[in-house]
PDB file of N, CA and C in Angstrom:
ATOM      1  N   MET A   1      93.397 132.173 142.901  1.00  0.00           N
ATOM      2  CA  MET A   1      92.793 130.830 142.872  1.00  0.00           C
ATOM      3  C   MET A   1      91.959 130.656 141.596  1.00  0.00           C
ATOM      4  N   GLU A   2      91.143 131.650 141.306  1.00  0.00           N
ATOM      5  CA  GLU A   2      90.270 131.606 140.115  1.00  0.00           C
ATOM      6  C   GLU A   2      91.109 131.572 138.840  1.00  0.00           C
ATOM      7  N   PHE A   3      92.146 132.413 138.797  1.00  0.00           N
ATOM      8  CA  PHE A   3      93.021 132.496 137.632  1.00  0.00           C
ATOM      9  C   PHE A   3      93.752 131.165 137.391  1.00  0.00           C
ATOM     10  N   LYS A   4      94.215 130.551 138.482  1.00  0.00           N
ATOM     11  CA  LYS A   4      94.929 129.272 138.398  1.00  0.00           C
ATOM     12  C   LYS A   4      94.046 128.192 137.773  1.00  0.00           C
ATOM     13  N   ARG A   5      92.795 128.163 138.211  1.00  0.00           N
ATOM     14  CA  ARG A   5      91.853 127.159 137.716  1.00  0.00           C
ATOM     15  C   ARG A   5      91.601 127.355 136.223  1.00  0.00           C
ATOM     16  N   LYS A   6      91.412 128.590 135.806  1.00  0.00           N
ATOM     17  CA  LYS A   6      91.169 128.907 134.390  1.00  0.00           C
ATOM     18  C   LYS A   6      92.366 128.512 133.531  1.00  0.00           C
ATOM     19  N   PHE A   7      93.551 128.828 134.014  1.00  0.00           N
ATOM     20  CA  PHE A   7      94.780 128.516 133.281  1.00  0.00           C
ATOM     21  C   PHE A   7      94.975 127.005 133.134  1.00  0.00           C
ATOM     22  N   GLY A   8      94.695 126.280 134.204  1.00  0.00           N
ATOM     23  CA  GLY A   8      94.830 124.825 134.196  1.00  0.00           C
ATOM     24  C   GLY A   8      93.871 124.172 133.215  1.00  0.00           C
ATOM     25  N   ARG A   9      92.655 124.693 133.154  1.00  0.00           N
ATOM     26  CA  ARG A   9      91.649 124.145 132.249  1.00  0.00           C
ATOM     27  C   ARG A   9      92.024 124.441 130.789  1.00  0.00           C
ATOM     28  N   GLN A  10      92.567 125.618 130.556  1.00  0.00           N
ATOM     29  CA  GLN A  10      92.933 126.053 129.205  1.00  0.00           C
ATOM     30  C   GLN A  10      94.082 125.207 128.649  1.00  0.00           C
ATOM     31  N   LYS A  11      94.992 124.792 129.540  1.00  0.00           N
ATOM     32  CA  LYS A  11      96.168 124.019 129.137  1.00  0.00           C
ATOM     33  C   LYS A  11      95.776 122.611 128.671  1.00  0.00           C
ATOM     34  N   LYS A  12      94.695 122.071 129.224  1.00  0.00           N
ATOM     35  CA  LYS A  12      94.240 120.719 128.886  1.00  0.00           C
ATOM     36  C   LYS A  12      93.669 120.694 127.467  1.00  0.00           C
ATOM     37  N   THR A  13      94.310 119.924 126.592  1.00  0.00           N
ATOM     38  CA  THR A  13      93.879 119.825 125.203  1.00  0.00           C
ATOM     39  C   THR A  13      93.624 118.369 124.835  1.00  0.00           C
ATOM     40  N   LYS A  14      92.946 118.167 123.727  1.00  0.00           N
ATOM     41  CA  LYS A  14      92.674 116.810 123.254  1.00  0.00           C
ATOM     42  C   LYS A  14      93.936 116.241 122.599  1.00  0.00           C
ATOM     43  N   PRO A  15      94.475 115.147 123.145  1.00  0.00           N
ATOM     44  CA  PRO A  15      95.707 114.580 122.585  1.00  0.00           C
ATOM     45  C   PRO A  15      95.525 113.983 121.195  1.00  0.00           C
ATOM     46  N   THR A  16      94.321 113.494 120.902  1.00  0.00           N
ATOM     47  CA  THR A  16      94.051 112.883 119.598  1.00  0.00           C
ATOM     48  C   THR A  16      94.160 113.904 118.478  1.00  0.00           C
ATOM     49  N   LYS A  17      93.691 115.117 118.725  1.00  0.00           N
ATOM     50  CA  LYS A  17      93.761 116.189 117.723  1.00  0.00           C
ATOM     51  C   LYS A  17      95.215 116.545 117.417  1.00  0.00           C
ATOM     52  N   GLY A  18      96.039 116.629 118.442  1.00  0.00           N
ATOM     53  CA  GLY A  18      97.452 116.936 118.279  1.00  0.00           C
ATOM     54  C   GLY A  18      98.192 115.842 117.531  1.00  0.00           C
ATOM     55  N   LEU A  19      97.855 114.590 117.861  1.00  0.00           N
ATOM     56  CA  LEU A  19      98.466 113.435 117.205  1.00  0.00           C
ATOM     57  C   LEU A  19      98.115 113.413 115.725  1.00  0.00           C
ATOM     58  N   LEU A  20      96.864 113.700 115.416  1.00  0.00           N
ATOM     59  CA  LEU A  20      96.404 113.743 114.025  1.00  0.00           C
ATOM     60  C   LEU A  20      97.160 114.819 113.249  1.00  0.00           C
ATOM     61  N   LEU A  21      97.377 115.957 113.887  1.00  0.00           N
ATOM     62  CA  LEU A  21      98.103 117.068 113.268  1.00  0.00           C
ATOM     63  C   LEU A  21      99.550 116.672 112.970  1.00  0.00           C
ATOM     64  N   VAL A  22     100.183 115.979 113.906  1.00  0.00           N
ATOM     65  CA  VAL A  22     101.572 115.520 113.737  1.00  0.00           C
ATOM     66  C   VAL A  22     101.668 114.514 112.586  1.00  0.00           C
ATOM     67  N   ILE A  23     100.717 113.580 112.525  1.00  0.00           N
ATOM     68  CA  ILE A  23     100.690 112.576 111.451  1.00  0.00           C
ATOM     69  C   ILE A  23     100.494 113.258 110.100  1.00  0.00           C
ATOM     70  N   LEU A  24      99.602 114.226 110.054  1.00  0.00           N
ATOM     71  CA  LEU A  24      99.340 114.976 108.824  1.00  0.00           C
ATOM     72  C   LEU A  24     100.592 115.737 108.374  1.00  0.00           C
ATOM     73  N   LEU A  25     101.275 116.344 109.319  1.00  0.00           N
ATOM     74  CA  LEU A  25     102.504 117.087 109.022  1.00  0.00           C
ATOM     75  C   LEU A  25     103.586 116.153 108.479  1.00  0.00           C
ATOM     76  N   ALA A  26     103.734 114.985 109.091  1.00  0.00           N
ATOM     77  CA  ALA A  26     104.712 113.984 108.637  1.00  0.00           C
ATOM     78  C   ALA A  26     104.375 113.523 107.220  1.00  0.00           C
ATOM     79  N   PHE A  27     103.087 113.300 106.957  1.00  0.00           N
ATOM     80  CA  PHE A  27     102.622 112.866 105.639  1.00  0.00           C
ATOM     81  C   PHE A  27     102.948 113.905 104.568  1.00  0.00           C
ATOM     82  N   VAL A  28     102.710 115.170 104.893  1.00  0.00           N
ATOM     83  CA  VAL A  28     103.004 116.275 103.964  1.00  0.00           C
ATOM     84  C   VAL A  28     104.510 116.362 103.698  1.00  0.00           C
ATOM     85  N   LEU A  29     105.316 116.207 104.739  1.00  0.00           N
ATOM     86  CA  LEU A  29     106.779 116.248 104.581  1.00  0.00           C
ATOM     87  C   LEU A  29     107.271 115.108 103.696  1.00  0.00           C
ATOM     88  N   ILE A  30     106.725 113.911 103.906  1.00  0.00           N
ATOM     89  CA  ILE A  30     107.099 112.749 103.085  1.00  0.00           C
ATOM     90  C   ILE A  30     106.719 113.008 101.632  1.00  0.00           C
ATOM     91  N   LEU A  31     105.510 113.527 101.410  1.00  0.00           N
ATOM     92  CA  LEU A  31     105.065 113.849 100.056  1.00  0.00           C
ATOM     93  C   LEU A  31     105.973 114.895  99.414  1.00  0.00           C
ATOM     94  N   TRP A  32     106.363 115.890 100.200  1.00  0.00           N
ATOM     95  CA  TRP A  32     107.224 116.970  99.708  1.00  0.00           C
ATOM     96  C   TRP A  32     108.558 116.436  99.194  1.00  0.00           C
ATOM     97  N   PHE A  33     109.154 115.505  99.960  1.00  0.00           N
ATOM     98  CA  PHE A  33     110.447 114.952  99.578  1.00  0.00           C
ATOM     99  C   PHE A  33     110.352 113.849  98.521  1.00  0.00           C
ATOM    100  N   LYS A  34     109.202 113.183  98.462  1.00  0.00           N
ATOM    101  CA  LYS A  34     109.016 112.086  97.501  1.00  0.00           C
ATOM    102  C   LYS A  34     108.326 112.561  96.216  1.00  0.00           C
ATOM    103  N   ALA A  35     107.945 113.808  96.151  1.00  0.00           N
ATOM    104  CA  ALA A  35     107.198 114.364  95.009  1.00  0.00           C
ATOM    105  C   ALA A  35     107.928 114.138  93.693  1.00  0.00           C
ATOM    106  N   GLU A  36     109.222 114.346  93.686  1.00  0.00           N
ATOM    107  CA  GLU A  36     110.021 114.183  92.463  1.00  0.00           C
ATOM    108  C   GLU A  36     109.987 112.736  91.974  1.00  0.00           C
ATOM    109  N   ASP A  37     110.158 111.793  92.896  1.00  0.00           N
ATOM    110  CA  ASP A  37     110.111 110.367  92.550  1.00  0.00           C
ATOM    111  C   ASP A  37     108.725 109.964  92.038  1.00  0.00           C
ATOM    112  N   ILE A  38     107.682 110.504  92.674  1.00  0.00           N
ATOM    113  CA  ILE A  38     106.308 110.208  92.268  1.00  0.00           C
ATOM    114  C   ILE A  38     106.060 110.740  90.849  1.00  0.00           C
ATOM    115  N   MET A  39     106.525 111.935  90.578  1.00  0.00           N
ATOM    116  CA  MET A  39     106.358 112.534  89.244  1.00  0.00           C
ATOM    117  C   MET A  39     107.076 111.707  88.168  1.00  0.00           C
ATOM    118  N   HIS A  40     108.293 111.225  88.480  1.00  0.00           N
ATOM    119  CA  HIS A  40     109.043 110.387  87.552  1.00  0.00           C
ATOM    120  C   HIS A  40     108.341 109.053  87.310  1.00  0.00           C
ATOM    121  N   ALA A  41     107.732 108.508  88.354  1.00  0.00           N
ATOM    122  CA  ALA A  41     107.033 107.228  88.260  1.00  0.00           C
ATOM    123  C   ALA A  41     105.756 107.345  87.414  1.00  0.00           C
ATOM    124  N   LEU A  42     105.059 108.481  87.567  1.00  0.00           N
ATOM    125  CA  LEU A  42     103.805 108.686  86.840  1.00  0.00           C
ATOM    126  C   LEU A  42     104.036 109.057  85.372  1.00  0.00           C
ATOM    127  N   PHE A  43     104.990 109.948  85.122  1.00  0.00           N
ATOM    128  CA  PHE A  43     105.202 110.428  83.743  1.00  0.00           C
ATOM    129  C   PHE A  43     106.518 109.937  83.168  1.00  0.00           C
TER     130      PHE A  43
END
């Protein structure tokens, strides 16, 4: 019973933090693929 309660509490995470991480990852991926175009545009 005690173990179940601890496990359940541990599983609960802040969804906003996860969402922010996903958005950041998507942003980095977009930058990674668009880096060449950005470099051509700047120089």
